[in-house]
C-alpha atoms as a PDB file:
ATOM      1  CA  MET A   1      31.034  21.583  14.936  1.00  0.00           C
ATOM      2  CA  ILE A   2      27.722  20.889  16.353  1.00  0.00           C
ATOM      3  CA  LYS A   3      26.133  24.045  14.768  1.00  0.00           C
ATOM      4  CA  THR A   4      27.867  23.075  11.399  1.00  0.00           C
ATOM      5  CA  LEU A   5      26.295  19.509  11.641  1.00  0.00           C
ATOM      6  CA  LEU A   6      22.736  20.909  12.651  1.00  0.00           C
ATOM      7  CA  LEU A   7      22.869  23.364   9.588  1.00  0.00           C
ATOM      8  CA  LEU A   8      23.909  20.381   7.177  1.00  0.00           C
ATOM      9  CA  ALA A   9      20.942  18.251   8.516  1.00  0.00           C
ATOM     10  CA  ILE A  10      18.491  21.132   7.970  1.00  0.00           C
ATOM     11  CA  PHE A  11      19.955  21.692   4.518  1.00  0.00           C
ATOM     12  CA  ILE A  12      19.559  18.061   3.720  1.00  0.00           C
ATOM     13  CA  PHE A  13      15.973  17.984   5.029  1.00  0.00           C
ATOM     14  CA  VAL A  14      14.760  20.981   2.963  1.00  0.00           C
ATOM     15  CA  LEU A  15      16.497  19.574  -0.262  1.00  0.00           C
ATOM     16  CA  GLU A  16      14.625  16.315   0.258  1.00  0.00           C
ATOM     17  CA  GLN A  17      11.422  18.206   0.569  1.00  0.00           C
ATOM     18  CA  VAL A  18      11.988  20.210  -2.631  1.00  0.00           C
ATOM     19  CA  SER A  19      13.247  17.305  -4.646  1.00  0.00           C
ATOM     20  CA  SER A  20      10.019  15.469  -3.979  1.00  0.00           C
ATOM     21  CA  TRP A  21       7.866  18.339  -5.412  1.00  0.00           C
ATOM     22  CA  SER A  22       6.872  17.688  -8.925  1.00  0.00           C
ATOM     23  CA  SER A  23       6.566  20.385 -11.880  1.00  0.00           C
ATOM     24  CA  ASN A  24       3.244  18.795 -12.430  1.00  0.00           C
ATOM     25  CA  SER A  25       1.422  19.749  -9.086  1.00  0.00           C
ATOM     26  CA  PHE A  26      -1.069  17.456  -7.673  1.00  0.00           C
ATOM     27  CA  VAL A  27      -4.320  17.891  -5.634  1.00  0.00           C
ATOM     28  CA  LEU A  28      -4.459  15.742  -2.648  1.00  0.00           C
ATOM     29  CA  LYS A  29      -7.523  13.835  -1.431  1.00  0.00           C
ATOM     30  CA  THR A  30      -7.173  14.274   2.326  1.00  0.00           C
ATOM     31  CA  SER A  31     -10.068  12.662   3.778  1.00  0.00           C
ATOM     32  CA  ARG A  32     -13.529  11.010   3.073  1.00  0.00           C
ATOM     33  CA  GLY A  33     -15.775  12.812   0.760  1.00  0.00           C
ATOM     34  CA  SER A  34     -13.691  15.129  -1.218  1.00  0.00           C
ATOM     35  CA  SER A  35     -12.097  14.462  -4.789  1.00  0.00           C
ATOM     36  CA  THR A  36      -8.776  13.760  -5.702  1.00  0.00           C
ATOM     37  CA  LYS A  37      -6.930  14.755  -8.865  1.00  0.00           C
ATOM     38  CA  LEU A  38      -3.390  13.269  -8.990  1.00  0.00           C
ATOM     39  CA  PHE A  39      -1.700  15.422 -11.641  1.00  0.00           C
ATOM     40  CA  GLU A  40      -2.338  18.583 -13.488  1.00  0.00           C
ATOM     41  CA  GLY A  41      -0.148  19.000 -16.577  1.00  0.00           C
ATOM     42  CA  ASP A  42       0.388  16.584 -19.472  1.00  0.00           C
ATOM     43  CA  PHE A  43      -2.501  14.272 -17.995  1.00  0.00           C
ATOM     44  CA  VAL A  44      -5.020  14.313 -15.335  1.00  0.00           C
ATOM     45  CA  ASP A  45      -5.866  11.029 -13.499  1.00  0.00           C
ATOM     46  CA  GLU A  46      -8.279  10.699 -10.572  1.00  0.00           C
ATOM     47  CA  ILE A  47      -7.778   8.138  -7.794  1.00  0.00           C
ATOM     48  CA  TRP A  48     -10.429   6.652  -5.522  1.00  0.00           C
ATOM     49  CA  THR A  49     -11.461   8.514  -2.379  1.00  0.00           C
ATOM     50  CA  GLU A  50     -11.640   6.570   0.926  1.00  0.00           C
ATOM     51  CA  ASP A  51     -15.577   6.696   0.646  1.00  0.00           C
ATOM     52  CA  GLN A  52     -15.336   5.298  -2.822  1.00  0.00           C
ATOM     53  CA  LEU A  53     -12.849   2.449  -1.641  1.00  0.00           C
ATOM     54  CA  LEU A  54     -15.181   1.592   1.490  1.00  0.00           C
ATOM     55  CA  ASP A  55     -18.331   1.789  -0.589  1.00  0.00           C
ATOM     56  CA  TYR A  56     -16.887  -0.803  -3.189  1.00  0.00           C
ATOM     57  CA  ALA A  57     -15.388  -3.150  -0.355  1.00  0.00           C
ATOM     58  CA  SER A  58     -18.994  -3.069   1.014  1.00  0.00           C
ATOM     59  CA  SER A  59     -20.490  -4.020  -2.318  1.00  0.00           C
ATOM     60  CA  GLU A  60     -18.127  -7.003  -2.361  1.00  0.00           C
ATOM     61  CA  GLY A  61     -19.337  -8.356   0.874  1.00  0.00           C
ATOM     62  CA  ILE A  62     -16.155  -6.848   2.813  1.00  0.00           C
ATOM     63  CA  GLU A  63     -15.773  -4.536   5.751  1.00  0.00           C
ATOM     64  CA  LEU A  64     -12.545  -2.640   5.508  1.00  0.00           C
ATOM     65  CA  SER A  65     -11.160  -0.871   8.576  1.00  0.00           C
ATOM     66  CA  PHE A  66      -8.126   1.426   9.082  1.00  0.00           C
ATOM     67  CA  THR A  67      -6.356   2.379  12.438  1.00  0.00           C
ATOM     68  CA  THR A  68      -3.145   4.127  13.182  1.00  0.00           C
ATOM     69  CA  LEU A  69      -0.870   4.322  16.424  1.00  0.00           C
ATOM     70  CA  GLY A  70       1.828   6.878  15.992  1.00  0.00           C
ATOM     71  CA  PRO A  71       3.847   6.199  12.876  1.00  0.00           C
ATOM     72  CA  GLY A  72       2.276   2.691  12.620  1.00  0.00           C
ATOM     73  CA  TYR A  73      -0.810   1.660  10.671  1.00  0.00           C
ATOM     74  CA  ARG A  74      -2.915  -1.269  10.112  1.00  0.00           C
ATOM     75  CA  ALA A  75      -5.753  -2.141   7.631  1.00  0.00           C
ATOM     76  CA  VAL A  76      -8.059  -5.078   8.360  1.00  0.00           C
ATOM     77  CA  VAL A  77     -10.519  -6.713   6.087  1.00  0.00           C
ATOM     78  CA  ARG A  78     -13.575  -8.682   7.640  1.00  0.00           C
ATOM     79  CA  ALA A  79     -16.491 -10.523   6.290  1.00  0.00           C
ATOM     80  CA  LYS A  80     -19.353  -7.943   6.201  1.00  0.00           C
ATOM     81  CA  GLN A  81     -22.110 -10.584   7.285  1.00  0.00           C
ATOM     82  CA  ASN A  82     -19.930 -11.681  10.059  1.00  0.00           C
ATOM     83  CA  THR A  83     -17.280  -8.984  11.299  1.00  0.00           C
ATOM     84  CA  SER A  84     -15.782 -11.360  13.756  1.00  0.00           C
ATOM     85  CA  GLN A  85     -14.325 -13.063  10.805  1.00  0.00           C
ATOM     86  CA  VAL A  86     -10.964 -11.554   9.948  1.00  0.00           C
ATOM     87  CA  LEU A  87     -10.158 -12.191   6.482  1.00  0.00           C
ATOM     88  CA  GLY A  88      -6.748 -10.522   6.331  1.00  0.00           C
ATOM     89  CA  TYR A  89      -4.741  -7.425   7.252  1.00  0.00           C
ATOM     90  CA  CYS A  90      -1.766  -5.221   6.137  1.00  0.00           C
ATOM     91  CA  GLU A  91       0.498  -3.213   8.587  1.00  0.00           C
ATOM     92  CA  GLY A  92       3.581  -1.251   8.549  1.00  0.00           C
ATOM     93  CA  PHE A  93       4.757   2.318   9.556  1.00  0.00           C
ATOM     94  CA  LEU A  94       5.666   5.646   8.025  1.00  0.00           C
ATOM     95  CA  ARG A  95       9.470   5.908   7.687  1.00  0.00           C
ATOM     96  CA  PRO A  96      10.630   9.492   7.832  1.00  0.00           C
ATOM     97  CA  GLY A  97      14.012   8.770   6.081  1.00  0.00           C
ATOM     98  CA  GLY A  98      13.286   9.107   2.566  1.00  0.00           C
ATOM     99  CA  LYS A  99       9.364   9.426   3.054  1.00  0.00           C
ATOM    100  CA  VAL A 100       8.873   5.784   2.709  1.00  0.00           C
ATOM    101  CA  LEU A 101       5.680   3.969   3.482  1.00  0.00           C
ATOM    102  CA  HIS A 102       7.174   0.927   4.930  1.00  0.00           C
ATOM    103  CA  VAL A 103       4.751  -1.971   4.206  1.00  0.00           C
ATOM    104  CA  ASP A 104       5.847  -4.533   6.991  1.00  0.00           C
ATOM    105  CA  LYS A 105       3.379  -7.291   6.335  1.00  0.00           C
ATOM    106  CA  MET A 106       0.223  -8.398   4.364  1.00  0.00           C
ATOM    107  CA  GLU A 107      -1.547 -11.561   5.107  1.00  0.00           C
ATOM    108  CA  VAL A 108      -4.845 -13.048   3.856  1.00  0.00           C
ATOM    109  CA  PHE A 109      -6.229 -16.069   5.467  1.00  0.00           C
ATOM    110  CA  LYS A 110      -7.248 -18.608   2.962  1.00  0.00           C
ATOM    111  CA  LYS A 111      -9.383 -20.584   5.337  1.00  0.00           C
ATOM    112  CA  MET A 112     -11.283 -17.610   6.354  1.00  0.00           C
ATOM    113  CA  MET A 113     -11.660 -16.621   2.677  1.00  0.00           C
ATOM    114  CA  GLN A 114     -13.163 -20.090   2.018  1.00  0.00           C
ATOM    115  CA  GLN A 115     -15.531 -19.761   4.869  1.00  0.00           C
ATOM    116  CA  ALA A 116     -16.643 -16.262   3.783  1.00  0.00           C
ATOM    117  CA  SER A 117     -17.307 -17.491   0.202  1.00  0.00           C
ATOM    118  CA  ASN A 118     -20.212 -19.546   1.256  1.00  0.00           C
ATOM    119  CA  GLU A 119     -21.897 -16.154   2.559  1.00  0.00           C
ATOM    120  CA  LYS A 120     -24.383 -14.795  -0.117  1.00  0.00           C
ATOM    121  CA  LEU A 121     -23.197 -11.299  -0.065  1.00  0.00           C
ATOM    122  CA  PHE A 122     -19.448 -12.261  -0.182  1.00  0.00           C
ATOM    123  CA  ARG A 123     -17.756 -11.623  -3.575  1.00  0.00           C
ATOM    124  CA  GLY A 124     -14.097 -11.844  -2.748  1.00  0.00           C
ATOM    125  CA  GLY A 125     -12.798  -8.492  -3.670  1.00  0.00           C
ATOM    126  CA  GLY A 126     -13.640  -8.376  -7.404  1.00  0.00           C
ATOM    127  CA  THR A 127     -10.096  -8.773  -8.660  1.00  0.00           C
ATOM    128  CA  ILE A 128      -7.289 -11.506  -8.961  1.00  0.00           C
ATOM    129  CA  TYR A 129      -5.691  -9.809  -6.083  1.00  0.00           C
ATOM    130  CA  GLY A 130      -8.647 -10.674  -3.861  1.00  0.00           C
ATOM    131  CA  PRO A 131      -9.022  -8.414  -0.618  1.00  0.00           C
ATOM    132  CA  GLY A 132      -5.338  -7.726  -0.738  1.00  0.00           C
ATOM    133  CA  LEU A 133      -5.586  -4.997  -3.240  1.00  0.00           C
ATOM    134  CA  LEU A 134      -8.283  -3.282  -1.004  1.00  0.00           C
ATOM    135  CA  LEU A 135      -5.823  -3.457   2.093  1.00  0.00           C
ATOM    136  CA  GLY A 136      -2.868  -2.148  -0.035  1.00  0.00           C
ATOM    137  CA  TYR A 137      -5.056   0.605  -1.408  1.00  0.00           C
ATOM    138  CA  MET A 138      -6.060   1.959   1.906  1.00  0.00           C
ATOM    139  CA  CYS A 139      -2.403   1.822   3.163  1.00  0.00           C
ATOM    140  CA  LEU A 140      -1.336   3.755   0.088  1.00  0.00           C
ATOM    141  CA  LEU A 141      -3.841   6.532   0.649  1.00  0.00           C
ATOM    142  CA  HIS A 142      -2.597   6.832   4.135  1.00  0.00           C
ATOM    143  CA  GLY A 143       0.913   7.253   2.790  1.00  0.00           C
ATOM    144  CA  LYS A 144      -0.242   9.687   0.261  1.00  0.00           C
ATOM    145  CA  MET A 145      -2.234  11.918   2.819  1.00  0.00           C
ATOM    146  CA  ASN A 146       0.896  12.137   4.843  1.00  0.00           C
ATOM    147  CA  GLY A 147       2.987  13.285   1.959  1.00  0.00           C
ATOM    148  CA  TYR A 148       4.886  10.051   1.353  1.00  0.00           C
ATOM    149  CA  ALA A 149       5.928   9.347  -2.184  1.00  0.00           C
ATOM    150  CA  THR A 150       7.310   5.759  -1.946  1.00  0.00           C
ATOM    151  CA  ALA A 151       6.137   2.448  -0.956  1.00  0.00           C
ATOM    152  CA  GLU A 152       8.518  -0.425  -0.054  1.00  0.00           C
ATOM    153  CA  PHE A 153       8.074  -4.155   0.854  1.00  0.00           C
ATOM    154  CA  LEU A 154      10.421  -6.913   1.545  1.00  0.00           C
ATOM    155  CA  ALA A 155       9.539 -10.420   0.275  1.00  0.00           C
ATOM    156  CA  ILE A 156      10.867 -12.256   3.229  1.00  0.00           C
ATOM    157  CA  ASP A 157      12.909 -15.184   2.132  1.00  0.00           C
ATOM    158  CA  ASP A 158      12.574 -17.785   4.854  1.00  0.00           C
ATOM    159  CA  GLU A 159      11.091 -20.470   2.644  1.00  0.00           C
ATOM    160  CA  GLU A 160      12.003 -20.746  -1.055  1.00  0.00           C
ATOM    161  CA  ASN A 161       8.447 -21.505  -2.517  1.00  0.00           C
ATOM    162  CA  GLN A 162       6.595 -18.634  -0.465  1.00  0.00           C
ATOM    163  CA  HIS A 163       9.315 -16.156  -1.298  1.00  0.00           C
ATOM    164  CA  ARG A 164       8.786 -16.819  -4.914  1.00  0.00           C
ATOM    165  CA  LYS A 165       5.066 -16.456  -4.683  1.00  0.00           C
ATOM    166  CA  LEU A 166       5.343 -13.096  -2.816  1.00  0.00           C
ATOM    167  CA  VAL A 167       7.718 -11.621  -5.420  1.00  0.00           C
ATOM    168  CA  GLN A 168       5.383 -12.778  -8.131  1.00  0.00           C
ATOM    169  CA  TYR A 169       2.369 -11.428  -6.414  1.00  0.00           C
ATOM    170  CA  TYR A 170       3.875  -7.944  -5.786  1.00  0.00           C
ATOM    171  CA  LYS A 171       5.591  -7.753  -9.238  1.00  0.00           C
ATOM    172  CA  ARG A 172       2.129  -8.482 -10.836  1.00  0.00           C
ATOM    173  CA  SER A 173       0.726  -5.673  -8.492  1.00  0.00           C
ATOM    174  CA  GLY A 174       3.206  -3.271  -9.778  1.00  0.00           C
ATOM    175  CA  PHE A 175       6.143  -3.110  -7.359  1.00  0.00           C
ATOM    176  CA  LYS A 176       9.570  -3.244  -8.952  1.00  0.00           C
ATOM    177  CA  ILE A 177      12.507  -5.371  -7.691  1.00  0.00           C
ATOM    178  CA  ILE A 178      15.236  -3.366  -6.182  1.00  0.00           C
ATOM    179  CA  LYS A 179      17.803  -5.791  -4.873  1.00  0.00           C
ATOM    180  CA  TYR A 180      18.098  -8.971  -2.748  1.00  0.00           C
ATOM    181  CA  VAL A 181      18.822  -8.325   0.787  1.00  0.00           C
ATOM    182  CA  GLY A 182      21.311 -11.056   1.824  1.00  0.00           C
ATOM    183  CA  ASP A 183      23.646 -11.927   4.703  1.00  0.00           C
ATOM    184  CA  ASP A 184      26.798  -9.929   3.507  1.00  0.00           C
ATOM    185  CA  TYR A 185      27.887  -6.886   5.368  1.00  0.00           C
ATOM    186  CA  GLY A 186      26.798  -4.465   2.866  1.00  0.00           C
ATOM    187  CA  ASN A 187      23.162  -5.528   3.465  1.00  0.00           C
ATOM    188  CA  ILE A 188      23.319  -4.924   7.470  1.00  0.00           C
ATOM    189  CA  PRO A 189      21.320  -1.426   7.191  1.00  0.00           C
ATOM    190  CA  ASP A 190      18.547  -3.143   5.328  1.00  0.00           C
ATOM    191  CA  ARG A 191      18.451  -6.187   7.508  1.00  0.00           C
ATOM    192  CA  LEU A 192      18.211  -3.924  10.557  1.00  0.00           C
ATOM    193  CA  ILE A 193      15.279  -2.121   8.865  1.00  0.00           C
ATOM    194  CA  TRP A 194      13.334  -5.301   7.716  1.00  0.00           C
ATOM    195  CA  GLY A 195      14.460  -7.775  10.264  1.00  0.00           C
ATOM    196  CA  GLY A 196      15.510 -10.477   7.804  1.00  0.00           C
ATOM    197  CA  ARG A 197      16.665 -11.666   4.250  1.00  0.00           C
ATOM    198  CA  GLY A 198      14.505 -11.174   1.146  1.00  0.00           C
ATOM    199  CA  THR A 199      13.711  -9.270  -2.191  1.00  0.00           C
ATOM    200  CA  LEU A 200      13.346  -5.604  -1.612  1.00  0.00           C
ATOM    201  CA  MET A 201      10.521  -4.171  -3.750  1.00  0.00           C
ATOM    202  CA  ARG A 202       9.538  -0.487  -4.267  1.00  0.00           C
ATOM    203  CA  GLU A 203       7.255   1.630  -6.441  1.00  0.00           C
ATOM    204  CA  ASN A 204       6.053   5.415  -6.490  1.00  0.00           C
ATOM    205  CA  ILE A 205       2.739   5.594  -4.509  1.00  0.00           C
ATOM    206  CA  ASP A 206       1.095   7.802  -7.326  1.00  0.00           C
ATOM    207  CA  THR A 207       2.082   5.264  -9.900  1.00  0.00           C
ATOM    208  CA  LEU A 208       0.463   2.287  -7.902  1.00  0.00           C
ATOM    209  CA  LEU A 209      -2.608   4.319  -7.126  1.00  0.00           C
ATOM    210  CA  GLN A 210      -3.267   5.185 -10.643  1.00  0.00           C
ATOM    211  CA  SER A 211      -2.772   1.454 -11.825  1.00  0.00           C
ATOM    212  CA  TRP A 212      -5.016  -0.003  -8.999  1.00  0.00           C
ATOM    213  CA  THR A 213      -7.604   2.543  -9.507  1.00  0.00           C
ATOM    214  CA  THR A 214      -7.919   1.354 -13.120  1.00  0.00           C
ATOM    215  CA  THR A 215      -8.170  -2.161 -11.874  1.00  0.00           C
ATOM    216  CA  LEU A 216     -10.889  -1.551  -9.476  1.00  0.00           C
ATOM    217  CA  GLU A 217     -12.705   0.634 -11.918  1.00  0.00           C
ATOM    218  CA  LYS A 218     -12.755  -2.235 -14.316  1.00  0.00           C
ATOM    219  CA  ALA A 219     -13.818  -4.709 -11.648  1.00  0.00           C
ATOM    220  CA  LYS A 220     -16.616  -2.408 -10.574  1.00  0.00           C
ATOM    221  CA  LYS A 221     -17.891  -2.034 -14.099  1.00  0.00           C
ATOM    222  CA  LYS A 222     -18.009  -5.862 -14.596  1.00  0.00           C
ATOM    223  CA  SER A 223     -19.776  -6.370 -11.411  1.00  0.00           C
ATOM    224  CA  SER A 224     -22.168  -3.752 -12.185  1.00  0.00           C
ATOM    225  CA  ALA A 225     -22.839  -5.334 -15.561  1.00  0.00           C
ATOM    226  CA  LYS A 226     -23.958  -8.673 -13.989  1.00  0.00           C
END
């Protein structure tokens, strides 16, 4: 019986790996300095390298850093002129089941942003998403470099107005609503994963990176034209 279950587990694992391959192969950007081509087939689209992202952040007066501990990850943005001034962060972990980049929390501190806006070199991130897009992009690159295909986020519903804002923000940035994780028994597994109630949102990492690259490229060109 144990042998049968073990063989079944191996079969499911292999099946998940095969199903994640695309008929249009992609070349992955694995580290700073090398180029990335997302798909080869009907279209070719390039995403930013880590170097490009860090250079752009620097040009916006932002220092962007990224650290990992086991499956956990954390991206942090600081004011370039005062690196003790933390503007925000994004953290989560790599979830092996389903190859999911679990985005646990993102927070940008409004008060710190207001203080940084008084600094000469600070531009705010260049897009309507502020430094949040830079944080998210770095985390998505981490997921992609580790072979993960999907990003998930739960817009926690512990305050109605804040919950609505979170859902709107992530919808605008490209995430799709999957379902509402409530208090019923059927949602117990999701509540155990996320630790609360809220709107579960998900999107393909490649899709988000393509969209966000376009947004950042436009912001970069607009900034250069000034």
